[in-house]
PDB file of N, CA and C in Angstrom:
ATOM      1  N   MET A   1       9.069 -18.365  19.590  1.00  0.00           N
ATOM      2  CA  MET A   1      10.557 -17.676  19.850  1.00  0.00           C
ATOM      3  C   MET A   1      11.169 -18.947  18.918  1.00  0.00           C
ATOM      4  N   GLU A   2      11.764 -18.490  17.792  1.00  0.00           N
ATOM      5  CA  GLU A   2      12.683 -19.015  16.855  1.00  0.00           C
ATOM      6  C   GLU A   2      14.021 -19.785  17.569  1.00  0.00           C
ATOM      7  N   GLN A   3      14.186 -20.991  17.733  1.00  0.00           N
ATOM      8  CA  GLN A   3      15.741 -21.351  18.071  1.00  0.00           C
ATOM      9  C   GLN A   3      16.593 -21.539  17.312  1.00  0.00           C
ATOM     10  N   MET A   4      17.526 -20.826  17.472  1.00  0.00           N
ATOM     11  CA  MET A   4      18.931 -20.656  16.655  1.00  0.00           C
ATOM     12  C   MET A   4      19.803 -21.554  16.888  1.00  0.00           C
ATOM     13  N   PHE A   5      20.447 -21.971  15.855  1.00  0.00           N
ATOM     14  CA  PHE A   5      21.383 -22.916  16.053  1.00  0.00           C
ATOM     15  C   PHE A   5      23.009 -22.530  15.341  1.00  0.00           C
ATOM     16  N   ILE A   6      23.698 -22.999  15.762  1.00  0.00           N
ATOM     17  CA  ILE A   6      24.849 -22.543  15.405  1.00  0.00           C
ATOM     18  C   ILE A   6      25.364 -23.719  14.600  1.00  0.00           C
ATOM     19  N   THR A   7      26.272 -23.072  13.427  1.00  0.00           N
ATOM     20  CA  THR A   7      26.766 -24.428  12.685  1.00  0.00           C
ATOM     21  C   THR A   7      28.182 -24.833  13.149  1.00  0.00           C
ATOM     22  N   PRO A   8      28.240 -25.988  13.559  1.00  0.00           N
ATOM     23  CA  PRO A   8      29.903 -26.468  14.065  1.00  0.00           C
ATOM     24  C   PRO A   8      30.784 -26.205  12.747  1.00  0.00           C
ATOM     25  N   ILE A   9      32.082 -25.636  13.248  1.00  0.00           N
ATOM     26  CA  ILE A   9      33.023 -25.587  12.338  1.00  0.00           C
ATOM     27  C   ILE A   9      33.498 -26.792  12.072  1.00  0.00           C
ATOM     28  N   ARG A  10      33.836 -27.329  11.054  1.00  0.00           N
ATOM     29  CA  ARG A  10      34.359 -28.386  10.130  1.00  0.00           C
ATOM     30  C   ARG A  10      35.683 -28.254  10.005  1.00  0.00           C
ATOM     31  N   THR A  11      36.282 -29.134  10.349  1.00  0.00           N
ATOM     32  CA  THR A  11      38.063 -29.685   9.891  1.00  0.00           C
ATOM     33  C   THR A  11      37.958 -29.791   8.508  1.00  0.00           C
ATOM     34  N   LEU A  12      39.302 -29.355   8.054  1.00  0.00           N
ATOM     35  CA  LEU A  12      39.845 -29.606   6.663  1.00  0.00           C
ATOM     36  C   LEU A  12      40.907 -30.824   6.838  1.00  0.00           C
ATOM     37  N   ASP A  13      40.677 -31.240   5.887  1.00  0.00           N
ATOM     38  CA  ASP A  13      42.112 -32.700   5.592  1.00  0.00           C
ATOM     39  C   ASP A  13      43.339 -31.874   5.465  1.00  0.00           C
ATOM     40  N   SER A  14      42.996 -30.924   4.316  1.00  0.00           N
ATOM     41  CA  SER A  14      44.295 -30.062   3.480  1.00  0.00           C
ATOM     42  C   SER A  14      43.985 -29.041   3.087  1.00  0.00           C
ATOM     43  N   ILE A  15      44.880 -28.203   2.809  1.00  0.00           N
ATOM     44  CA  ILE A  15      44.588 -26.589   2.175  1.00  0.00           C
ATOM     45  C   ILE A  15      43.948 -26.870   0.777  1.00  0.00           C
ATOM     46  N   ALA A  16      43.891 -28.001   0.429  1.00  0.00           N
ATOM     47  CA  ALA A  16      43.471 -28.008  -1.037  1.00  0.00           C
ATOM     48  C   ALA A  16      42.002 -28.049  -0.790  1.00  0.00           C
ATOM     49  N   ASP A  17      41.067 -28.780   0.440  1.00  0.00           N
ATOM     50  CA  ASP A  17      40.146 -28.842   0.254  1.00  0.00           C
ATOM     51  C   ASP A  17      39.049 -27.255   0.315  1.00  0.00           C
ATOM     52  N   LEU A  18      39.925 -26.106   0.873  1.00  0.00           N
ATOM     53  CA  LEU A  18      39.254 -24.774   0.844  1.00  0.00           C
ATOM     54  C   LEU A  18      38.518 -24.291  -0.414  1.00  0.00           C
ATOM     55  N   GLY A  19      38.658 -24.647  -1.714  1.00  0.00           N
ATOM     56  CA  GLY A  19      38.401 -24.417  -2.636  1.00  0.00           C
ATOM     57  C   GLY A  19      37.222 -25.240  -2.939  1.00  0.00           C
ATOM     58  N   THR A  20      36.741 -26.169  -2.641  1.00  0.00           N
ATOM     59  CA  THR A  20      35.779 -27.241  -2.837  1.00  0.00           C
ATOM     60  C   THR A  20      34.805 -26.983  -1.878  1.00  0.00           C
ATOM     61  N   ALA A  21      34.387 -26.292  -1.156  1.00  0.00           N
ATOM     62  CA  ALA A  21      33.195 -25.640  -0.615  1.00  0.00           C
ATOM     63  C   ALA A  21      32.582 -24.780  -1.730  1.00  0.00           C
ATOM     64  N   LYS A  22      31.453 -24.760  -2.240  1.00  0.00           N
ATOM     65  CA  LYS A  22      30.728 -23.903  -3.337  1.00  0.00           C
ATOM     66  C   LYS A  22      29.818 -23.094  -2.241  1.00  0.00           C
ATOM     67  N   LYS A  23      29.195 -23.363  -1.292  1.00  0.00           N
ATOM     68  CA  LYS A  23      28.408 -22.682  -0.474  1.00  0.00           C
ATOM     69  C   LYS A  23      28.887 -22.487   0.947  1.00  0.00           C
ATOM     70  N   VAL A  24      28.857 -21.394   1.436  1.00  0.00           N
ATOM     71  CA  VAL A  24      28.935 -21.158   2.555  1.00  0.00           C
ATOM     72  C   VAL A  24      27.787 -20.320   3.599  1.00  0.00           C
ATOM     73  N   GLY A  25      27.276 -20.969   4.712  1.00  0.00           N
ATOM     74  CA  GLY A  25      26.055 -20.633   5.508  1.00  0.00           C
ATOM     75  C   GLY A  25      26.020 -20.869   6.834  1.00  0.00           C
ATOM     76  N   SER A  26      24.695 -20.479   7.436  1.00  0.00           N
ATOM     77  CA  SER A  26      24.748 -20.978   8.387  1.00  0.00           C
ATOM     78  C   SER A  26      23.311 -21.552   8.754  1.00  0.00           C
ATOM     79  N   GLY A  27      23.123 -22.665   9.446  1.00  0.00           N
ATOM     80  CA  GLY A  27      22.220 -23.317   9.270  1.00  0.00           C
ATOM     81  C   GLY A  27      21.482 -24.038   7.973  1.00  0.00           C
ATOM     82  N   GLN A  28      20.126 -23.657   7.704  1.00  0.00           N
ATOM     83  CA  GLN A  28      19.609 -23.781   6.705  1.00  0.00           C
ATOM     84  C   GLN A  28      20.036 -22.673   5.643  1.00  0.00           C
ATOM     85  N   ASN A  29      20.203 -21.595   5.718  1.00  0.00           N
ATOM     86  CA  ASN A  29      20.492 -20.578   4.851  1.00  0.00           C
ATOM     87  C   ASN A  29      21.854 -20.714   4.270  1.00  0.00           C
ATOM     88  N   ALA A  30      22.341 -21.043   3.228  1.00  0.00           N
ATOM     89  CA  ALA A  30      23.420 -21.002   2.771  1.00  0.00           C
ATOM     90  C   ALA A  30      23.487 -19.633   1.568  1.00  0.00           C
ATOM     91  N   GLY A  31      24.661 -19.218   1.049  1.00  0.00           N
ATOM     92  CA  GLY A  31      24.562 -18.499   0.428  1.00  0.00           C
ATOM     93  C   GLY A  31      26.138 -18.165  -0.778  1.00  0.00           C
ATOM     94  N   PRO A  32      26.088 -17.945  -1.524  1.00  0.00           N
ATOM     95  CA  PRO A  32      27.307 -18.193  -2.615  1.00  0.00           C
ATOM     96  C   PRO A  32      28.414 -18.010  -1.763  1.00  0.00           C
ATOM     97  N   ALA A  33      29.629 -18.604  -2.144  1.00  0.00           N
ATOM     98  CA  ALA A  33      30.655 -18.249  -1.532  1.00  0.00           C
ATOM     99  C   ALA A  33      31.754 -16.611  -2.187  1.00  0.00           C
ATOM    100  N   PHE A  34      32.410 -16.468  -1.634  1.00  0.00           N
ATOM    101  CA  PHE A  34      32.865 -15.273  -1.922  1.00  0.00           C
ATOM    102  C   PHE A  34      33.746 -15.141  -3.111  1.00  0.00           C
ATOM    103  N   GLN A  35      34.358 -16.332  -3.703  1.00  0.00           N
ATOM    104  CA  GLN A  35      34.913 -16.490  -4.517  1.00  0.00           C
ATOM    105  C   GLN A  35      33.795 -16.379  -5.774  1.00  0.00           C
ATOM    106  N   ASP A  36      32.579 -16.842  -5.727  1.00  0.00           N
ATOM    107  CA  ASP A  36      31.389 -16.533  -6.662  1.00  0.00           C
ATOM    108  C   ASP A  36      31.031 -15.413  -6.826  1.00  0.00           C
ATOM    109  N   ILE A  37      31.176 -14.371  -5.946  1.00  0.00           N
ATOM    110  CA  ILE A  37      30.317 -13.487  -5.974  1.00  0.00           C
ATOM    111  C   ILE A  37      31.078 -12.153  -6.354  1.00  0.00           C
ATOM    112  N   PHE A  38      32.711 -12.510  -6.367  1.00  0.00           N
ATOM    113  CA  PHE A  38      33.867 -11.773  -6.902  1.00  0.00           C
ATOM    114  C   PHE A  38      33.643 -12.302  -8.317  1.00  0.00           C
ATOM    115  N   LYS A  39      33.877 -13.429  -8.978  1.00  0.00           N
ATOM    116  CA  LYS A  39      34.003 -13.656 -10.205  1.00  0.00           C
ATOM    117  C   LYS A  39      32.664 -13.264 -11.120  1.00  0.00           C
ATOM    118  N   GLU A  40      31.044 -13.205 -10.357  1.00  0.00           N
ATOM    119  CA  GLU A  40      30.130 -12.398 -10.617  1.00  0.00           C
ATOM    120  C   GLU A  40      30.637 -10.961 -11.201  1.00  0.00           C
ATOM    121  N   ALA A  41      31.140 -10.335 -10.148  1.00  0.00           N
ATOM    122  CA  ALA A  41      31.432  -8.922 -10.118  1.00  0.00           C
ATOM    123  C   ALA A  41      32.137  -8.525 -11.313  1.00  0.00           C
ATOM    124  N   VAL A  42      33.241  -9.424 -11.578  1.00  0.00           N
ATOM    125  CA  VAL A  42      33.917  -9.376 -12.401  1.00  0.00           C
ATOM    126  C   VAL A  42      33.588  -9.705 -14.153  1.00  0.00           C
ATOM    127  N   GLU A  43      32.746 -10.657 -14.081  1.00  0.00           N
ATOM    128  CA  GLU A  43      31.899 -10.663 -15.366  1.00  0.00           C
ATOM    129  C   GLU A  43      31.131  -9.782 -15.638  1.00  0.00           C
ATOM    130  N   ASN A  44      30.593  -9.121 -14.480  1.00  0.00           N
ATOM    131  CA  ASN A  44      29.534  -8.017 -14.867  1.00  0.00           C
ATOM    132  C   ASN A  44      30.365  -6.599 -15.682  1.00  0.00           C
ATOM    133  N   VAL A  45      31.374  -6.542 -15.333  1.00  0.00           N
ATOM    134  CA  VAL A  45      32.394  -5.548 -15.648  1.00  0.00           C
ATOM    135  C   VAL A  45      32.363  -5.354 -16.678  1.00  0.00           C
ATOM    136  N   LYS A  46      32.773  -7.148 -17.308  1.00  0.00           N
ATOM    137  CA  LYS A  46      33.048  -7.305 -18.800  1.00  0.00           C
ATOM    138  C   LYS A  46      32.165  -7.109 -19.307  1.00  0.00           C
ATOM    139  N   THR A  47      31.049  -7.739 -19.125  1.00  0.00           N
ATOM    140  CA  THR A  47      29.476  -7.423 -20.002  1.00  0.00           C
ATOM    141  C   THR A  47      29.182  -5.985 -20.229  1.00  0.00           C
ATOM    142  N   THR A  48      29.364  -5.186 -19.013  1.00  0.00           N
ATOM    143  CA  THR A  48      29.130  -3.663 -19.066  1.00  0.00           C
ATOM    144  C   THR A  48      29.982  -3.104 -20.069  1.00  0.00           C
ATOM    145  N   GLU A  49      31.084  -3.296 -19.893  1.00  0.00           N
ATOM    146  CA  GLU A  49      32.324  -2.640 -20.783  1.00  0.00           C
ATOM    147  C   GLU A  49      31.899  -2.717 -22.135  1.00  0.00           C
ATOM    148  N   SER A  50      31.634  -4.080 -22.445  1.00  0.00           N
ATOM    149  CA  SER A  50      31.641  -4.433 -23.887  1.00  0.00           C
ATOM    150  C   SER A  50      30.245  -3.858 -24.437  1.00  0.00           C
ATOM    151  N   ASP A  51      29.239  -3.448 -23.554  1.00  0.00           N
ATOM    152  CA  ASP A  51      27.961  -3.041 -23.809  1.00  0.00           C
ATOM    153  C   ASP A  51      28.369  -1.590 -23.919  1.00  0.00           C
ATOM    154  N   LEU A  52      28.887  -1.121 -23.951  1.00  0.00           N
ATOM    155  CA  LEU A  52      29.293   0.107 -23.383  1.00  0.00           C
ATOM    156  C   LEU A  52      30.345   0.323 -24.526  1.00  0.00           C
ATOM    157  N   SER A  53      31.149  -0.136 -25.559  1.00  0.00           N
ATOM    158  CA  SER A  53      31.775   0.229 -26.672  1.00  0.00           C
ATOM    159  C   SER A  53      30.887  -0.799 -27.393  1.00  0.00           C
ATOM    160  N   ARG A  54      30.070  -1.455 -27.516  1.00  0.00           N
ATOM    161  CA  ARG A  54      28.679  -1.425 -28.801  1.00  0.00           C
ATOM    162  C   ARG A  54      28.115  -0.190 -28.911  1.00  0.00           C
ATOM    163  N   GLN A  55      27.445  -0.055 -28.060  1.00  0.00           N
ATOM    164  CA  GLN A  55      26.702   1.153 -27.633  1.00  0.00           C
ATOM    165  C   GLN A  55      27.096   2.466 -28.265  1.00  0.00           C
ATOM    166  N   GLN A  56      28.575   2.627 -28.414  1.00  0.00           N
ATOM    167  CA  GLN A  56      29.678   3.751 -28.298  1.00  0.00           C
ATOM    168  C   GLN A  56      29.947   3.696 -30.328  1.00  0.00           C
ATOM    169  N   TYR A  57      30.518   2.408 -30.520  1.00  0.00           N
ATOM    170  CA  TYR A  57      30.409   2.274 -32.078  1.00  0.00           C
ATOM    171  C   TYR A  57      28.969   2.495 -32.632  1.00  0.00           C
ATOM    172  N   LEU A  58      28.148   1.628 -32.366  1.00  0.00           N
ATOM    173  CA  LEU A  58      26.623   1.968 -32.864  1.00  0.00           C
ATOM    174  C   LEU A  58      26.339   3.627 -32.991  1.00  0.00           C
ATOM    175  N   LEU A  59      26.677   4.225 -32.017  1.00  0.00           N
ATOM    176  CA  LEU A  59      26.269   5.826 -32.081  1.00  0.00           C
ATOM    177  C   LEU A  59      27.329   6.779 -32.946  1.00  0.00           C
ATOM    178  N   SER A  60      28.182   6.450 -32.917  1.00  0.00           N
ATOM    179  CA  SER A  60      29.520   6.697 -34.138  1.00  0.00           C
ATOM    180  C   SER A  60      29.190   6.195 -35.189  1.00  0.00           C
ATOM    181  N   THR A  61      28.643   5.083 -35.662  1.00  0.00           N
ATOM    182  CA  THR A  61      28.560   5.052 -37.055  1.00  0.00           C
ATOM    183  C   THR A  61      26.974   5.417 -37.454  1.00  0.00           C
ATOM    184  N   GLY A  62      26.371   6.110 -36.782  1.00  0.00           N
ATOM    185  CA  GLY A  62      25.023   6.297 -37.024  1.00  0.00           C
ATOM    186  C   GLY A  62      23.775   5.448 -36.935  1.00  0.00           C
ATOM    187  N   GLN A  63      23.843   4.404 -36.325  1.00  0.00           N
ATOM    188  CA  GLN A  63      23.360   3.019 -36.405  1.00  0.00           C
ATOM    189  C   GLN A  63      22.349   3.052 -35.439  1.00  0.00           C
ATOM    190  N   ILE A  64      22.552   4.165 -34.419  1.00  0.00           N
ATOM    191  CA  ILE A  64      21.653   4.113 -32.969  1.00  0.00           C
ATOM    192  C   ILE A  64      20.548   4.777 -33.231  1.00  0.00           C
ATOM    193  N   ASP A  65      19.215   4.707 -32.902  1.00  0.00           N
ATOM    194  CA  ASP A  65      18.015   6.137 -32.941  1.00  0.00           C
ATOM    195  C   ASP A  65      18.094   6.821 -31.593  1.00  0.00           C
ATOM    196  N   ASP A  66      18.459   6.210 -30.438  1.00  0.00           N
ATOM    197  CA  ASP A  66      18.375   6.362 -29.125  1.00  0.00           C
ATOM    198  C   ASP A  66      20.035   7.333 -28.524  1.00  0.00           C
ATOM    199  N   ALA A  67      20.019   8.170 -28.684  1.00  0.00           N
ATOM    200  CA  ALA A  67      21.603   8.570 -28.191  1.00  0.00           C
ATOM    201  C   ALA A  67      21.470   8.837 -26.483  1.00  0.00           C
ATOM    202  N   HIS A  68      20.384   8.630 -25.764  1.00  0.00           N
ATOM    203  CA  HIS A  68      20.359   8.409 -24.558  1.00  0.00           C
ATOM    204  C   HIS A  68      20.626   7.005 -23.907  1.00  0.00           C
ATOM    205  N   THR A  69      20.700   5.899 -24.588  1.00  0.00           N
ATOM    206  CA  THR A  69      21.364   4.624 -24.210  1.00  0.00           C
ATOM    207  C   THR A  69      22.855   4.516 -24.206  1.00  0.00           C
ATOM    208  N   VAL A  70      23.328   5.384 -24.750  1.00  0.00           N
ATOM    209  CA  VAL A  70      25.325   5.965 -24.470  1.00  0.00           C
ATOM    210  C   VAL A  70      25.234   6.127 -23.110  1.00  0.00           C
ATOM    211  N   PRO A  71      24.664   7.248 -22.590  1.00  0.00           N
ATOM    212  CA  PRO A  71      24.743   7.683 -21.178  1.00  0.00           C
ATOM    213  C   PRO A  71      24.563   6.648 -20.347  1.00  0.00           C
ATOM    214  N   ALA A  72      23.474   5.710 -20.737  1.00  0.00           N
ATOM    215  CA  ALA A  72      22.878   5.129 -19.708  1.00  0.00           C
ATOM    216  C   ALA A  72      23.819   3.491 -19.480  1.00  0.00           C
ATOM    217  N   ALA A  73      24.684   3.275 -20.789  1.00  0.00           N
ATOM    218  CA  ALA A  73      25.147   2.040 -20.607  1.00  0.00           C
ATOM    219  C   ALA A  73      26.716   2.646 -19.858  1.00  0.00           C
ATOM    220  N   ALA A  74      27.228   3.925 -20.191  1.00  0.00           N
ATOM    221  CA  ALA A  74      28.613   4.314 -19.596  1.00  0.00           C
ATOM    222  C   ALA A  74      28.084   4.670 -18.108  1.00  0.00           C
ATOM    223  N   ALA A  75      26.861   4.859 -17.603  1.00  0.00           N
ATOM    224  CA  ALA A  75      26.650   4.717 -15.949  1.00  0.00           C
ATOM    225  C   ALA A  75      26.756   3.470 -15.429  1.00  0.00           C
ATOM    226  N   LYS A  76      25.972   2.231 -16.004  1.00  0.00           N
ATOM    227  CA  LYS A  76      26.039   0.919 -15.688  1.00  0.00           C
ATOM    228  C   LYS A  76      27.398   0.581 -15.473  1.00  0.00           C
ATOM    229  N   ALA A  77      28.307   1.051 -16.864  1.00  0.00           N
ATOM    230  CA  ALA A  77      29.565   0.454 -16.645  1.00  0.00           C
ATOM    231  C   ALA A  77      30.525   1.122 -15.298  1.00  0.00           C
ATOM    232  N   GLN A  78      30.477   2.234 -15.375  1.00  0.00           N
ATOM    233  CA  GLN A  78      30.874   2.859 -14.015  1.00  0.00           C
ATOM    234  C   GLN A  78      30.335   2.415 -12.978  1.00  0.00           C
ATOM    235  N   LEU A  79      29.358   1.961 -12.660  1.00  0.00           N
ATOM    236  CA  LEU A  79      28.853   1.788 -11.529  1.00  0.00           C
ATOM    237  C   LEU A  79      29.371   0.301 -11.191  1.00  0.00           C
ATOM    238  N   SER A  80      29.276  -0.551 -12.023  1.00  0.00           N
ATOM    239  CA  SER A  80      29.715  -1.861 -12.191  1.00  0.00           C
ATOM    240  C   SER A  80      31.671  -1.860 -11.480  1.00  0.00           C
ATOM    241  N   VAL A  81      32.174  -0.971 -12.133  1.00  0.00           N
ATOM    242  CA  VAL A  81      33.527  -0.928 -11.857  1.00  0.00           C
ATOM    243  C   VAL A  81      33.719  -0.298 -10.383  1.00  0.00           C
ATOM    244  N   GLU A  82      32.910   0.720  -9.871  1.00  0.00           N
ATOM    245  CA  GLU A  82      32.901   1.245  -8.482  1.00  0.00           C
ATOM    246  C   GLU A  82      32.176  -0.107  -7.728  1.00  0.00           C
ATOM    247  N   LEU A  83      31.613  -1.220  -7.983  1.00  0.00           N
ATOM    248  CA  LEU A  83      31.109  -2.076  -7.314  1.00  0.00           C
ATOM    249  C   LEU A  83      32.269  -3.186  -7.255  1.00  0.00           C
ATOM    250  N   LEU A  84      32.812  -3.132  -7.946  1.00  0.00           N
ATOM    251  CA  LEU A  84      34.578  -4.200  -8.068  1.00  0.00           C
ATOM    252  C   LEU A  84      35.363  -3.907  -7.521  1.00  0.00           C
ATOM    253  N   SER A  85      35.653  -2.408  -7.241  1.00  0.00           N
ATOM    254  CA  SER A  85      36.495  -1.737  -6.557  1.00  0.00           C
ATOM    255  C   SER A  85      36.543  -1.670  -5.059  1.00  0.00           C
ATOM    256  N   ALA A  86      34.920  -1.483  -4.809  1.00  0.00           N
ATOM    257  CA  ALA A  86      34.408  -1.711  -3.570  1.00  0.00           C
ATOM    258  C   ALA A  86      34.715  -3.029  -2.715  1.00  0.00           C
ATOM    259  N   LEU A  87      34.249  -3.899  -3.479  1.00  0.00           N
ATOM    260  CA  LEU A  87      34.354  -5.498  -3.267  1.00  0.00           C
ATOM    261  C   LEU A  87      35.808  -6.050  -3.036  1.00  0.00           C
ATOM    262  N   ARG A  88      36.549  -5.255  -3.731  1.00  0.00           N
ATOM    263  CA  ARG A  88      38.246  -5.497  -3.435  1.00  0.00           C
ATOM    264  C   ARG A  88      38.726  -4.608  -2.390  1.00  0.00           C
ATOM    265  N   ASN A  89      38.375  -3.666  -1.728  1.00  0.00           N
ATOM    266  CA  ASN A  89      38.622  -2.844  -0.933  1.00  0.00           C
ATOM    267  C   ASN A  89      38.189  -3.488   0.353  1.00  0.00           C
ATOM    268  N   LYS A  90      36.821  -3.780   0.397  1.00  0.00           N
ATOM    269  CA  LYS A  90      36.352  -4.373   1.565  1.00  0.00           C
ATOM    270  C   LYS A  90      37.100  -6.078   1.954  1.00  0.00           C
ATOM    271  N   ALA A  91      37.664  -6.395   1.169  1.00  0.00           N
ATOM    272  CA  ALA A  91      38.370  -7.964   0.788  1.00  0.00           C
ATOM    273  C   ALA A  91      39.454  -7.531   1.692  1.00  0.00           C
ATOM    274  N   LEU A  92      40.279  -6.748   1.210  1.00  0.00           N
ATOM    275  CA  LEU A  92      41.537  -6.117   1.474  1.00  0.00           C
ATOM    276  C   LEU A  92      41.336  -5.813   2.834  1.00  0.00           C
ATOM    277  N   GLU A  93      40.509  -5.108   3.449  1.00  0.00           N
ATOM    278  CA  GLU A  93      40.244  -4.537   4.775  1.00  0.00           C
ATOM    279  C   GLU A  93      40.212  -5.628   5.757  1.00  0.00           C
ATOM    280  N   ALA A  94      39.030  -7.110   5.081  1.00  0.00           N
ATOM    281  CA  ALA A  94      38.996  -7.925   6.024  1.00  0.00           C
ATOM    282  C   ALA A  94      40.443  -8.829   5.826  1.00  0.00           C
ATOM    283  N   TYR A  95      40.932  -9.023   4.942  1.00  0.00           N
ATOM    284  CA  TYR A  95      42.033  -9.607   5.368  1.00  0.00           C
ATOM    285  C   TYR A  95      43.474  -8.804   6.266  1.00  0.00           C
ATOM    286  N   THR A  96      43.273  -7.945   5.899  1.00  0.00           N
ATOM    287  CA  THR A  96      44.465  -6.825   6.688  1.00  0.00           C
ATOM    288  C   THR A  96      43.951  -7.307   8.502  1.00  0.00           C
ATOM    289  N   GLU A  97      42.708  -7.138   8.262  1.00  0.00           N
ATOM    290  CA  GLU A  97      41.944  -7.504  10.143  1.00  0.00           C
ATOM    291  C   GLU A  97      42.392  -8.465  10.540  1.00  0.00           C
ATOM    292  N   ILE A  98      41.873  -9.842   9.644  1.00  0.00           N
ATOM    293  CA  ILE A  98      42.568 -11.281  10.116  1.00  0.00           C
ATOM    294  C   ILE A  98      43.864 -11.419  10.193  1.00  0.00           C
ATOM    295  N   ILE A  99      45.006 -10.812   9.769  1.00  0.00           N
ATOM    296  CA  ILE A  99      46.200 -10.552   9.829  1.00  0.00           C
ATOM    297  C   ILE A  99      46.250 -10.078  11.135  1.00  0.00           C
ATOM    298  N   ARG A 100      45.588  -9.020  11.612  1.00  0.00           N
ATOM    299  CA  ARG A 100      46.229  -8.566  12.882  1.00  0.00           C
ATOM    300  C   ARG A 100      45.694  -9.365  14.107  1.00  0.00           C
ATOM    301  N   ILE A 101      44.803 -10.193  13.839  1.00  0.00           N
ATOM    302  CA  ILE A 101      44.145 -10.807  14.764  1.00  0.00           C
ATOM    303  C   ILE A 101      45.600 -11.923  15.370  1.00  0.00           C
ATOM    304  N   SER A 102      45.412 -11.668  17.059  1.00  0.00           N
ATOM    305  CA  SER A 102      46.787 -12.407  17.818  1.00  0.00           C
ATOM    306  C   SER A 102      46.214 -13.796  18.093  1.00  0.00           C
ATOM    307  N   ILE A 103      46.952 -15.043  17.808  1.00  0.00           N
ATOM    308  CA  ILE A 103      46.284 -16.256  18.224  1.00  0.00           C
ATOM    309  C   ILE A 103      46.881 -16.489  19.661  1.00  0.00           C
TER     310      ILE A 103
END
């Protein structure tokens, strides 16, 4: 049976130390911080939107042979926007839940 280890809470010297931690994890498994995940989602929206507009331009000027790539790019862009809005909603739900906690 694998022994579980609880990572102790470390103290912060100041509020400025909050942005310095790049990894959040428990024990040996460390994952990216929420800030990095959110930035990646925003960048994904930007890239898929630019790809969609490029595909639409190529289709409108007749430079594209496969017309099915435009709806595929539109679906990718829509999915990335939906993912970003779901992340935002979950972050707001978590924030309001934290605010409700009485100490």
